[in-house]
């Protein structure tokens, strides 16, 4: 994370970071999900969401203006939420 947004890179699929600017984010919240909620591990697409999954359990959901929501799996989503609150 940087002062201008959240950066996501799912190696080796992404060669560069994907930036989610803070001004395009409507809401960020903690979320819980099962292994098959988004269809397994990896980058998963649904009609309304792109999910970056490395394991099942918890993570954050980022709702964006005029774009798909982003779900990022994390072992400690509370740290992500605190950091986003501090920077946003």
Protein backbone atom coordinates (compact mmCIF):
# COMPACT_ATOMS: atom_id res chain seq x y z
CA UNK A 1 0.00 0.00 0.00
CA UNK A 2 1.04 3.51 -0.75
CA UNK A 3 -0.41 6.93 -0.07
CA UNK A 4 -2.17 6.95 -3.48
CA UNK A 5 -3.81 3.52 -3.33
CA UNK A 6 -3.64 -0.22 -2.88
CA UNK A 7 -1.28 -2.18 -5.12
CA UNK A 8 -1.93 -5.85 -5.94
CA UNK A 9 0.35 -8.27 -7.76
CA UNK A 10 -0.37 -11.98 -8.01
CA UNK A 11 2.91 -13.48 -9.18
CA UNK A 12 3.71 -15.06 -11.57
CA UNK A 13 0.51 -14.07 -13.41
CA UNK A 14 0.98 -10.31 -13.03
CA UNK A 15 4.25 -8.87 -14.25
CA UNK A 16 3.46 -5.49 -12.73
CA UNK A 17 1.32 -4.19 -9.89
CA UNK A 18 -2.37 -3.35 -10.33
CA UNK A 19 -3.22 -0.05 -8.63
CA UNK A 20 -6.55 0.53 -6.90
CA UNK A 21 -6.64 4.30 -6.25
CA UNK A 22 -8.20 5.36 -2.96
CA UNK A 23 -10.45 7.92 -4.68
CA UNK A 24 -12.20 5.09 -6.56
CA UNK A 25 -12.88 2.99 -3.45
CA UNK A 26 -16.37 3.18 -1.95
CA UNK A 27 -15.97 0.74 0.95
CA UNK A 28 -13.48 -1.73 2.42
CA UNK A 29 -14.59 -4.46 4.79
CA UNK A 30 -13.42 -7.72 6.29
CA UNK A 31 -14.88 -10.82 4.66
CA UNK A 32 -14.92 -14.55 5.33
CA UNK A 33 -15.09 -17.18 2.59
CA UNK A 34 -14.78 -20.89 2.00
CA UNK A 35 -12.35 -22.58 -0.36
CA UNK A 36 -14.94 -22.84 -3.12
CA UNK A 37 -16.70 -19.50 -2.60
CA UNK A 38 -14.87 -18.02 -5.59
CA UNK A 39 -14.03 -21.31 -7.26
CA UNK A 40 -10.73 -22.24 -5.61
CA UNK A 41 -7.22 -20.84 -5.27
CA UNK A 42 -5.69 -18.28 -7.65
CA UNK A 43 -7.19 -15.31 -9.45
CA UNK A 44 -10.92 -15.90 -9.73
CA UNK A 45 -13.52 -13.90 -11.63
CA UNK A 46 -17.23 -13.73 -10.98
CA UNK A 47 -19.68 -11.33 -12.68
CA UNK A 48 -19.17 -8.72 -9.93
CA UNK A 49 -15.87 -9.62 -8.26
CA UNK A 50 -12.22 -10.39 -8.91
CA UNK A 51 -10.74 -12.49 -6.10
CA UNK A 52 -7.04 -12.98 -5.37
CA UNK A 53 -7.02 -16.18 -3.32
CA UNK A 54 -4.04 -17.98 -1.81
CA UNK A 55 -6.03 -19.89 0.80
CA UNK A 56 -9.54 -20.03 2.25
CA UNK A 57 -10.57 -18.16 5.37
CA UNK A 58 -10.54 -14.39 5.60
CA UNK A 59 -9.53 -11.29 3.73
CA UNK A 60 -10.79 -7.90 2.66
CA UNK A 61 -13.41 -6.90 0.13
CA UNK A 62 -12.94 -3.62 -1.72
CA UNK A 63 -16.06 -2.14 -3.32
CA UNK A 64 -15.18 0.29 -6.12
CA UNK A 65 -17.10 2.92 -8.07
CA UNK A 66 -18.18 1.67 -11.51
CA UNK A 67 -15.91 -1.39 -11.35
CA UNK A 68 -15.86 -4.94 -10.04
CA UNK A 69 -15.25 -5.51 -6.35
CA UNK A 70 -11.88 -6.92 -5.36
CA UNK A 71 -11.39 -9.61 -2.71
CA UNK A 72 -7.87 -10.15 -1.36
CA UNK A 73 -7.22 -13.16 0.84
CA UNK A 74 -5.10 -12.47 3.92
CA UNK A 75 -3.97 -14.28 7.04
CA UNK A 76 -4.42 -11.03 8.99
CA UNK A 77 -7.06 -8.81 7.35
CA UNK A 78 -7.28 -6.52 10.40
CA UNK A 79 -3.76 -5.23 9.65
CA UNK A 80 -4.79 -4.47 6.06
CA UNK A 81 -7.90 -2.63 7.24
CA UNK A 82 -5.91 -0.57 9.77
CA UNK A 83 -3.34 0.40 7.14
CA UNK A 84 -6.02 1.39 4.64
CA UNK A 85 -7.74 3.53 7.31
CA UNK A 86 -4.45 5.28 8.07
CA UNK A 87 -3.62 6.01 4.42
CA UNK A 88 -7.08 6.77 3.07
